[in-house]
Every structure is written in C-alpha cells, then in structure tokens.
Amino acid sequence: ARIGGLRKPAQQILGSDIAGRIESAGRSVK
C-alpha cells in the first residue's frame, strides 16, 4: 500500500470510486 510513498502517502486524497457530473473537458477528450 506504500508503493510510491514509503514514509508518507503519495496520494493525499483517498477514494477511488466516483460518480458525478462533468463540469469541463480537456481539448483531447472526444
């Protein structure tokens, strides 16, 4: 679980599963 952050979390915000509404999209999004 510490891959990428041995001493402290590399990802500071947990939560992998989401559902929501798109507010904006990058220019390569099709």
PDB file of all heavy atoms in Angstrom:
ATOM      1  N   ALA A   1       0.824  -1.211   0.000  1.00  0.00           N
ATOM      2  CA  ALA A   1       0.000   0.000   0.000  1.00  0.00           C
ATOM      3  C   ALA A   1       0.857   1.260   0.000  1.00  0.00           C
ATOM      4  O   ALA A   1       0.351   2.357  -0.260  1.00  0.00           O
ATOM      5  CB  ALA A   1      -0.929   0.002   1.199  1.00  0.00           C
ATOM      6  N   ARG A   2       2.151   1.124   0.290  1.00  0.00           N
ATOM      7  CA  ARG A   2       3.045   2.281   0.346  1.00  0.00           C
ATOM      8  C   ARG A   2       3.845   2.483  -0.940  1.00  0.00           C
ATOM      9  O   ARG A   2       4.777   3.290  -0.965  1.00  0.00           O
ATOM     10  CB  ARG A   2       4.004   2.137   1.522  1.00  0.00           C
ATOM     11  CG  ARG A   2       3.292   2.090   2.875  1.00  0.00           C
ATOM     12  CD  ARG A   2       4.277   2.101   4.032  1.00  0.00           C
ATOM     13  NE  ARG A   2       3.604   2.041   5.309  1.00  0.00           N
ATOM     14  CZ  ARG A   2       3.879   2.832   6.350  1.00  0.00           C
ATOM     15  NH1 ARG A   2       4.830   3.752   6.237  1.00  0.00           N
ATOM     16  NH2 ARG A   2       3.224   2.697   7.482  1.00  0.00           N
ATOM     17  N   ILE A   3       3.508   1.750  -1.977  1.00  0.00           N
ATOM     18  CA  ILE A   3       4.197   1.929  -3.251  1.00  0.00           C
ATOM     19  C   ILE A   3       4.021   3.376  -3.719  1.00  0.00           C
ATOM     20  O   ILE A   3       2.913   3.890  -3.827  1.00  0.00           O
ATOM     21  CB  ILE A   3       3.650   0.953  -4.316  1.00  0.00           C
ATOM     22  CG1 ILE A   3       4.016  -0.482  -3.931  1.00  0.00           C
ATOM     23  CG2 ILE A   3       4.203   1.293  -5.696  1.00  0.00           C
ATOM     24  CD1 ILE A   3       3.431  -1.530  -4.857  1.00  0.00           C
ATOM     25  N   GLY A   4       5.130   4.021  -3.975  1.00  0.00           N
ATOM     26  CA  GLY A   4       5.106   5.422  -4.394  1.00  0.00           C
ATOM     27  C   GLY A   4       5.207   6.392  -3.232  1.00  0.00           C
ATOM     28  O   GLY A   4       5.417   7.591  -3.444  1.00  0.00           O
ATOM     29  N   GLY A   5       5.049   5.903  -2.015  1.00  0.00           N
ATOM     30  CA  GLY A   5       5.137   6.774  -0.837  1.00  0.00           C
ATOM     31  C   GLY A   5       5.472   5.960   0.397  1.00  0.00           C
ATOM     32  O   GLY A   5       4.592   5.632   1.194  1.00  0.00           O
ATOM     33  N   LEU A   6       6.748   5.612   0.554  1.00  0.00           N
ATOM     34  CA  LEU A   6       7.142   4.710   1.631  1.00  0.00           C
ATOM     35  C   LEU A   6       6.918   5.317   3.013  1.00  0.00           C
ATOM     36  O   LEU A   6       6.420   4.653   3.924  1.00  0.00           O
ATOM     37  CB  LEU A   6       8.617   4.318   1.469  1.00  0.00           C
ATOM     38  CG  LEU A   6       9.136   3.257   2.431  1.00  0.00           C
ATOM     39  CD1 LEU A   6       8.346   1.964   2.292  1.00  0.00           C
ATOM     40  CD2 LEU A   6      10.627   2.998   2.205  1.00  0.00           C
ATOM     41  N   ARG A   7       7.279   6.601   3.196  1.00  0.00           N
ATOM     42  CA  ARG A   7       7.179   7.225   4.518  1.00  0.00           C
ATOM     43  C   ARG A   7       5.912   8.048   4.700  1.00  0.00           C
ATOM     44  O   ARG A   7       5.406   8.198   5.815  1.00  0.00           O
ATOM     45  CB  ARG A   7       8.407   8.111   4.760  1.00  0.00           C
ATOM     46  CG  ARG A   7       9.707   7.315   4.838  1.00  0.00           C
ATOM     47  CD  ARG A   7      10.845   8.174   5.323  1.00  0.00           C
ATOM     48  NE  ARG A   7      12.071   7.401   5.475  1.00  0.00           N
ATOM     49  CZ  ARG A   7      13.206   7.890   5.955  1.00  0.00           C
ATOM     50  NH1 ARG A   7      13.265   9.177   6.329  1.00  0.00           N
ATOM     51  NH2 ARG A   7      14.275   7.124   6.068  1.00  0.00           N
ATOM     52  N   LYS A   8       5.397   8.609   3.625  1.00  0.00           N
ATOM     53  CA  LYS A   8       4.145   9.356   3.700  1.00  0.00           C
ATOM     54  C   LYS A   8       3.371   9.152   2.409  1.00  0.00           C
ATOM     55  O   LYS A   8       3.968   8.845   1.366  1.00  0.00           O
ATOM     56  CB  LYS A   8       4.401  10.847   3.962  1.00  0.00           C
ATOM     57  CG  LYS A   8       5.186  11.556   2.879  1.00  0.00           C
ATOM     58  CD  LYS A   8       5.377  13.021   3.256  1.00  0.00           C
ATOM     59  CE  LYS A   8       6.119  13.768   2.142  1.00  0.00           C
ATOM     60  NZ  LYS A   8       6.294  15.201   2.485  1.00  0.00           N
ATOM     61  N   PRO A   9       2.076   9.315   2.436  1.00  0.00           N
ATOM     62  CA  PRO A   9       1.258   8.999   1.259  1.00  0.00           C
ATOM     63  C   PRO A   9       1.603   9.868   0.051  1.00  0.00           C
ATOM     64  O   PRO A   9       1.716  11.100   0.165  1.00  0.00           O
ATOM     65  CB  PRO A   9      -0.167   9.290   1.735  1.00  0.00           C
ATOM     66  CG  PRO A   9      -0.098   9.259   3.221  1.00  0.00           C
ATOM     67  CD  PRO A   9       1.260   9.749   3.585  1.00  0.00           C
ATOM     68  N   ALA A  10       1.776   9.224  -1.085  1.00  0.00           N
ATOM     69  CA  ALA A  10       1.975   9.981  -2.322  1.00  0.00           C
ATOM     70  C   ALA A  10       0.668  10.620  -2.771  1.00  0.00           C
ATOM     71  O   ALA A  10       0.656  11.704  -3.347  1.00  0.00           O
ATOM     72  CB  ALA A  10       2.512   9.049  -3.408  1.00  0.00           C
ATOM     73  N   GLN A  11      -0.448   9.922  -2.494  1.00  0.00           N
ATOM     74  CA  GLN A  11      -1.787  10.429  -2.814  1.00  0.00           C
ATOM     75  C   GLN A  11      -2.414  10.939  -1.523  1.00  0.00           C
ATOM     76  O   GLN A  11      -2.668  10.160  -0.608  1.00  0.00           O
ATOM     77  CB  GLN A  11      -2.623   9.310  -3.433  1.00  0.00           C
ATOM     78  CG  GLN A  11      -4.101   9.612  -3.612  1.00  0.00           C
ATOM     79  CD  GLN A  11      -4.367  10.766  -4.550  1.00  0.00           C
ATOM     80  OE1 GLN A  11      -4.534  11.908  -4.101  1.00  0.00           O
ATOM     81  NE2 GLN A  11      -4.396  10.476  -5.833  1.00  0.00           N
ATOM     82  N   GLN A  12      -2.667  12.223  -1.430  1.00  0.00           N
ATOM     83  CA  GLN A  12      -3.176  12.799  -0.188  1.00  0.00           C
ATOM     84  C   GLN A  12      -4.693  12.763  -0.075  1.00  0.00           C
ATOM     85  O   GLN A  12      -5.237  13.077   0.984  1.00  0.00           O
ATOM     86  CB  GLN A  12      -2.686  14.246  -0.034  1.00  0.00           C
ATOM     87  CG  GLN A  12      -1.194  14.362   0.215  1.00  0.00           C
ATOM     88  CD  GLN A  12      -0.792  15.745   0.698  1.00  0.00           C
ATOM     89  OE1 GLN A  12      -1.552  16.709   0.578  1.00  0.00           O
ATOM     90  NE2 GLN A  12       0.406  15.851   1.230  1.00  0.00           N
ATOM     91  N   ILE A  13      -5.375  12.409  -1.151  1.00  0.00           N
ATOM     92  CA  ILE A  13      -6.834  12.293  -1.116  1.00  0.00           C
ATOM     93  C   ILE A  13      -7.205  10.868  -1.498  1.00  0.00           C
ATOM     94  O   ILE A  13      -6.923  10.423  -2.608  1.00  0.00           O
ATOM     95  CB  ILE A  13      -7.514  13.298  -2.072  1.00  0.00           C
ATOM     96  CG1 ILE A  13      -7.090  14.726  -1.746  1.00  0.00           C
ATOM     97  CG2 ILE A  13      -9.029  13.163  -1.989  1.00  0.00           C
ATOM     98  CD1 ILE A  13      -7.639  15.764  -2.708  1.00  0.00           C
ATOM     99  N   LEU A  14      -7.804  10.144  -0.588  1.00  0.00           N
ATOM    100  CA  LEU A  14      -8.244   8.785  -0.856  1.00  0.00           C
ATOM    101  C   LEU A  14      -9.542   8.797  -1.672  1.00  0.00           C
ATOM    102  O   LEU A  14     -10.116   9.842  -1.935  1.00  0.00           O
ATOM    103  CB  LEU A  14      -8.456   8.038   0.456  1.00  0.00           C
ATOM    104  CG  LEU A  14      -7.214   7.822   1.331  1.00  0.00           C
ATOM    105  CD1 LEU A  14      -7.620   7.294   2.703  1.00  0.00           C
ATOM    106  CD2 LEU A  14      -6.246   6.870   0.655  1.00  0.00           C
ATOM    107  N   GLY A  15     -10.017   7.608  -2.020  1.00  0.00           N
ATOM    108  CA  GLY A  15     -11.283   7.488  -2.736  1.00  0.00           C
ATOM    109  C   GLY A  15     -11.085   7.166  -4.198  1.00  0.00           C
ATOM    110  O   GLY A  15     -10.684   8.038  -4.965  1.00  0.00           O
ATOM    111  N   SER A  16     -11.388   5.925  -4.601  1.00  0.00           N
ATOM    112  CA  SER A  16     -11.150   5.517  -5.986  1.00  0.00           C
ATOM    113  C   SER A  16     -12.411   5.466  -6.827  1.00  0.00           C
ATOM    114  O   SER A  16     -12.357   5.625  -8.041  1.00  0.00           O
ATOM    115  CB  SER A  16     -10.472   4.146  -6.012  1.00  0.00           C
ATOM    116  OG  SER A  16     -11.308   3.166  -5.425  1.00  0.00           O
ATOM    117  N   ASP A  17     -13.560   5.227  -6.183  1.00  0.00           N
ATOM    118  CA  ASP A  17     -14.811   5.057  -6.928  1.00  0.00           C
ATOM    119  C   ASP A  17     -15.649   6.321  -6.855  1.00  0.00           C
ATOM    120  O   ASP A  17     -15.998   6.772  -5.757  1.00  0.00           O
ATOM    121  CB  ASP A  17     -15.637   3.918  -6.328  1.00  0.00           C
ATOM    122  CG  ASP A  17     -14.988   2.560  -6.500  1.00  0.00           C
ATOM    123  OD1 ASP A  17     -13.879   2.499  -7.041  1.00  0.00           O
ATOM    124  OD2 ASP A  17     -15.597   1.558  -6.083  1.00  0.00           O
ATOM    125  N   ILE A  18     -15.988   6.874  -7.995  1.00  0.00           N
ATOM    126  CA  ILE A  18     -16.775   8.109  -8.005  1.00  0.00           C
ATOM    127  C   ILE A  18     -17.942   8.014  -8.976  1.00  0.00           C
ATOM    128  O   ILE A  18     -17.945   7.217  -9.913  1.00  0.00           O
ATOM    129  CB  ILE A  18     -15.919   9.334  -8.395  1.00  0.00           C
ATOM    130  CG1 ILE A  18     -15.361   9.165  -9.820  1.00  0.00           C
ATOM    131  CG2 ILE A  18     -14.803   9.568  -7.395  1.00  0.00           C
ATOM    132  CD1 ILE A  18     -15.020  10.460 -10.519  1.00  0.00           C
ATOM    133  N   ALA A  19     -18.916   8.883  -8.742  1.00  0.00           N
ATOM    134  CA  ALA A  19     -19.989   9.134  -9.703  1.00  0.00           C
ATOM    135  C   ALA A  19     -20.306  10.613  -9.612  1.00  0.00           C
ATOM    136  O   ALA A  19     -20.335  11.186  -8.519  1.00  0.00           O
ATOM    137  CB  ALA A  19     -21.220   8.298  -9.379  1.00  0.00           C
ATOM    138  N   GLY A  20     -20.495  11.241 -10.765  1.00  0.00           N
ATOM    139  CA  GLY A  20     -20.756  12.673 -10.738  1.00  0.00           C
ATOM    140  C   GLY A  20     -21.071  13.220 -12.111  1.00  0.00           C
ATOM    141  O   GLY A  20     -21.360  12.477 -13.054  1.00  0.00           O
ATOM    142  N   ARG A  21     -20.995  14.527 -12.195  1.00  0.00           N
ATOM    143  CA  ARG A  21     -21.360  15.226 -13.429  1.00  0.00           C
ATOM    144  C   ARG A  21     -20.145  15.989 -13.963  1.00  0.00           C
ATOM    145  O   ARG A  21     -19.458  16.683 -13.208  1.00  0.00           O
ATOM    146  CB  ARG A  21     -22.517  16.184 -13.146  1.00  0.00           C
ATOM    147  CG  ARG A  21     -23.157  16.803 -14.381  1.00  0.00           C
ATOM    148  CD  ARG A  21     -24.393  17.604 -14.015  1.00  0.00           C
ATOM    149  NE  ARG A  21     -25.498  16.732 -13.605  1.00  0.00           N
ATOM    150  CZ  ARG A  21     -25.906  16.586 -12.342  1.00  0.00           C
ATOM    151  NH1 ARG A  21     -25.302  17.242 -11.356  1.00  0.00           N
ATOM    152  NH2 ARG A  21     -26.906  15.787 -12.052  1.00  0.00           N
ATOM    153  N   ILE A  22     -19.885  15.855 -15.251  1.00  0.00           N
ATOM    154  CA  ILE A  22     -18.731  16.521 -15.854  1.00  0.00           C
ATOM    155  C   ILE A  22     -18.981  18.025 -15.919  1.00  0.00           C
ATOM    156  O   ILE A  22     -20.012  18.482 -16.425  1.00  0.00           O
ATOM    157  CB  ILE A  22     -18.448  15.974 -17.263  1.00  0.00           C
ATOM    158  CG1 ILE A  22     -18.000  14.508 -17.172  1.00  0.00           C
ATOM    159  CG2 ILE A  22     -17.372  16.806 -17.970  1.00  0.00           C
ATOM    160  CD1 ILE A  22     -17.770  13.858 -18.518  1.00  0.00           C
ATOM    161  N   GLU A  23     -18.003  18.775 -15.409  1.00  0.00           N
ATOM    162  CA  GLU A  23     -18.095  20.231 -15.440  1.00  0.00           C
ATOM    163  C   GLU A  23     -17.335  20.824 -16.621  1.00  0.00           C
ATOM    164  O   GLU A  23     -17.762  21.811 -17.225  1.00  0.00           O
ATOM    165  CB  GLU A  23     -17.567  20.818 -14.131  1.00  0.00           C
ATOM    166  CG  GLU A  23     -17.751  22.323 -14.033  1.00  0.00           C
ATOM    167  CD  GLU A  23     -17.576  22.832 -12.617  1.00  0.00           C
ATOM    168  OE1 GLU A  23     -18.475  22.617 -11.785  1.00  0.00           O
ATOM    169  OE2 GLU A  23     -16.528  23.457 -12.356  1.00  0.00           O
ATOM    170  N   SER A  24     -16.201  20.239 -16.977  1.00  0.00           N
ATOM    171  CA  SER A  24     -15.436  20.700 -18.134  1.00  0.00           C
ATOM    172  C   SER A  24     -14.578  19.559 -18.650  1.00  0.00           C
ATOM    173  O   SER A  24     -14.334  18.577 -17.936  1.00  0.00           O
ATOM    174  CB  SER A  24     -14.555  21.896 -17.766  1.00  0.00           C
ATOM    175  OG  SER A  24     -13.590  21.543 -16.788  1.00  0.00           O
ATOM    176  N   ALA A  25     -14.119  19.689 -19.897  1.00  0.00           N
ATOM    177  CA  ALA A  25     -13.341  18.626 -20.526  1.00  0.00           C
ATOM    178  C   ALA A  25     -12.107  19.190 -21.206  1.00  0.00           C
ATOM    179  O   ALA A  25     -12.130  20.310 -21.750  1.00  0.00           O
ATOM    180  CB  ALA A  25     -14.199  17.874 -21.543  1.00  0.00           C
ATOM    181  N   GLY A  26     -11.006  18.419 -21.183  1.00  0.00           N
ATOM    182  CA  GLY A  26      -9.790  18.804 -21.876  1.00  0.00           C
ATOM    183  C   GLY A  26      -9.978  18.768 -23.381  1.00  0.00           C
ATOM    184  O   GLY A  26     -10.896  18.120 -23.887  1.00  0.00           O
ATOM    185  N   ARG A  27      -9.081  19.428 -24.088  1.00  0.00           N
ATOM    186  CA  ARG A  27      -9.273  19.587 -25.537  1.00  0.00           C
ATOM    187  C   ARG A  27      -9.126  18.288 -26.325  1.00  0.00           C
ATOM    188  O   ARG A  27      -9.594  18.189 -27.462  1.00  0.00           O
ATOM    189  CB  ARG A  27      -8.284  20.616 -26.069  1.00  0.00           C
ATOM    190  CG  ARG A  27      -6.824  20.268 -25.889  1.00  0.00           C
ATOM    191  CD  ARG A  27      -5.945  21.413 -26.354  1.00  0.00           C
ATOM    192  NE  ARG A  27      -4.527  21.105 -26.199  1.00  0.00           N
ATOM    193  CZ  ARG A  27      -3.550  21.965 -26.497  1.00  0.00           C
ATOM    194  NH1 ARG A  27      -3.867  23.190 -26.938  1.00  0.00           N
ATOM    195  NH2 ARG A  27      -2.287  21.618 -26.349  1.00  0.00           N
ATOM    196  N   SER A  28      -8.498  17.246 -25.736  1.00  0.00           N
ATOM    197  CA  SER A  28      -8.346  15.971 -26.435  1.00  0.00           C
ATOM    198  C   SER A  28      -9.489  15.000 -26.157  1.00  0.00           C
ATOM    199  O   SER A  28      -9.538  13.919 -26.742  1.00  0.00           O
ATOM    200  CB  SER A  28      -7.019  15.317 -26.049  1.00  0.00           C
ATOM    201  OG  SER A  28      -5.927  16.143 -26.411  1.00  0.00           O
ATOM    202  N   VAL A  29     -10.388  15.376 -25.279  1.00  0.00           N
ATOM    203  CA  VAL A  29     -11.498  14.493 -24.922  1.00  0.00           C
ATOM    204  C   VAL A  29     -12.513  14.459 -26.064  1.00  0.00           C
ATOM    205  O   VAL A  29     -12.960  15.506 -26.539  1.00  0.00           O
ATOM    206  CB  VAL A  29     -12.164  14.971 -23.612  1.00  0.00           C
ATOM    207  CG1 VAL A  29     -13.425  14.165 -23.325  1.00  0.00           C
ATOM    208  CG2 VAL A  29     -11.179  14.859 -22.451  1.00  0.00           C
ATOM    209  N   LYS A  30     -12.884  13.251 -26.496  1.00  0.00           N
ATOM    210  CA  LYS A  30     -13.773  13.102 -27.643  1.00  0.00           C
ATOM    211  C   LYS A  30     -15.147  12.541 -27.285  1.00  0.00           C
ATOM    212  O   LYS A  30     -16.160  12.941 -27.851  1.00  0.00           O
ATOM    213  CB  LYS A  30     -13.126  12.158 -28.682  1.00  0.00           C
ATOM    214  CG  LYS A  30     -11.742  12.569 -29.148  1.00  0.00           C
ATOM    215  CD  LYS A  30     -11.766  13.910 -29.870  1.00  0.00           C
ATOM    216  CE  LYS A  30     -10.376  14.250 -30.413  1.00  0.00           C
ATOM    217  NZ  LYS A  30     -10.354  15.597 -31.045  1.00  0.00           N
TER     218      LYS A  30
END
